[in-house]
Amino acid sequence: MDAQSLINLAGGAALAALGWFARQVWDAVGELRKDVHQIEVGLPSNYVRRDEFTDFAREIRDISKQIFDRISSLEQRKADR
């Protein structure tokens, strides 16, 4: 084999490796696009809607008010003794 054949062989091997790597990156980007699209579609169902949060906050306020009222009544009974 002469020098030109070795250079051509080495260049071909390098370009083949580069092509394989580029194809792997291209496929990975395609998969990422699919994943991002799936996340975008499912995003509204993964978070709490505003009205649900408002209802939950109202329940928490009601429960805490009951707790504080009960504590106040216990303190009042203790003070009356």
Protein backbone atom coordinates (compact mmCIF):
# COMPACT_ATOMS: atom_id res chain seq x y z
CA MET A 1 0.00 0.00 0.00
CA ASP A 2 1.29 3.38 -0.83
CA ALA A 3 0.96 6.51 1.31
CA GLN A 4 -2.05 7.87 -0.58
CA SER A 5 -4.03 4.67 0.02
CA LEU A 6 -3.27 4.83 3.76
CA ILE A 7 -4.36 8.48 3.88
CA ASN A 8 -7.55 7.64 1.97
CA LEU A 9 -8.24 4.69 4.29
CA ALA A 10 -7.63 6.76 7.43
CA GLY A 11 -9.76 9.64 6.10
CA GLY A 12 -12.57 7.27 5.17
CA ALA A 13 -12.49 5.65 8.60
CA ALA A 14 -12.51 9.07 10.29
CA LEU A 15 -15.44 10.25 8.17
CA ALA A 16 -17.33 7.02 8.83
CA ALA A 17 -16.83 7.48 12.59
CA LEU A 18 -17.90 11.11 12.33
CA GLY A 19 -20.99 10.11 10.36
CA TRP A 20 -21.93 7.47 12.93
CA PHE A 21 -21.52 10.01 15.74
CA ALA A 22 -23.60 12.60 13.86
CA ARG A 23 -26.35 10.03 13.31
CA GLN A 24 -26.40 9.17 17.04
CA VAL A 25 -26.70 12.86 17.94
CA TRP A 26 -29.48 13.34 15.35
CA ASP A 27 -31.45 10.41 16.78
CA ALA A 28 -30.94 11.66 20.35
CA VAL A 29 -32.23 15.12 19.41
CA GLY A 30 -35.29 13.51 17.83
CA GLU A 31 -35.98 11.56 21.01
CA LEU A 32 -35.55 14.71 23.10
CA ARG A 33 -38.04 16.56 20.91
CA LYS A 34 -40.56 13.77 21.45
CA ASP A 35 -39.96 13.87 25.21
CA VAL A 36 -40.32 17.66 25.37
CA HIS A 37 -43.54 17.48 23.37
CA GLN A 38 -44.91 14.84 25.73
CA ILE A 39 -44.03 17.06 28.71
CA GLU A 40 -45.70 20.06 27.05
CA VAL A 41 -48.87 18.06 26.46
CA GLY A 42 -49.00 16.71 30.02
CA LEU A 43 -47.94 19.92 31.77
CA PRO A 44 -51.40 21.33 32.54
CA SER A 45 -52.52 18.10 34.19
CA ASN A 46 -49.45 17.86 36.44
CA TYR A 47 -50.02 21.11 38.32
CA VAL A 48 -52.78 22.22 40.64
CA ARG A 49 -55.37 24.44 39.03
CA ARG A 50 -56.03 27.81 40.62
CA ASP A 51 -59.56 26.98 41.74
CA GLU A 52 -58.41 23.73 43.37
CA PHE A 53 -55.68 25.61 45.22
CA THR A 54 -58.17 28.23 46.39
CA ASP A 55 -60.48 25.53 47.75
CA PHE A 56 -57.57 23.83 49.50
CA ALA A 57 -56.38 27.11 51.04
CA ARG A 58 -59.91 27.80 52.28
CA GLU A 59 -60.03 24.37 53.94
CA ILE A 60 -56.67 24.98 55.63
CA ARG A 61 -57.87 28.38 56.92
CA ASP A 62 -61.07 26.82 58.28
CA ILE A 63 -59.18 24.03 60.03
CA SER A 64 -56.64 26.42 61.53
CA LYS A 65 -59.48 28.70 62.72
CA GLN A 66 -61.09 25.71 64.45
CA ILE A 67 -57.79 24.81 66.09
CA PHE A 68 -57.20 28.36 67.33
CA ASP A 69 -60.78 28.61 68.59
CA ARG A 70 -60.35 25.39 70.51
CA ILE A 71 -57.06 26.59 71.99
CA SER A 72 -58.72 29.86 73.00
CA SER A 73 -61.59 28.02 74.66
CA LEU A 74 -59.15 25.81 76.57
CA GLU A 75 -57.20 28.86 77.72
CA GLN A 76 -60.45 30.55 78.76
CA ARG A 77 -61.52 27.51 80.79
CA LYS A 78 -58.12 27.37 82.43
CA ALA A 79 -58.28 31.07 83.28
CA ASP A 80 -61.75 30.64 84.78
CA ARG A 81 -60.53 28.04 87.27
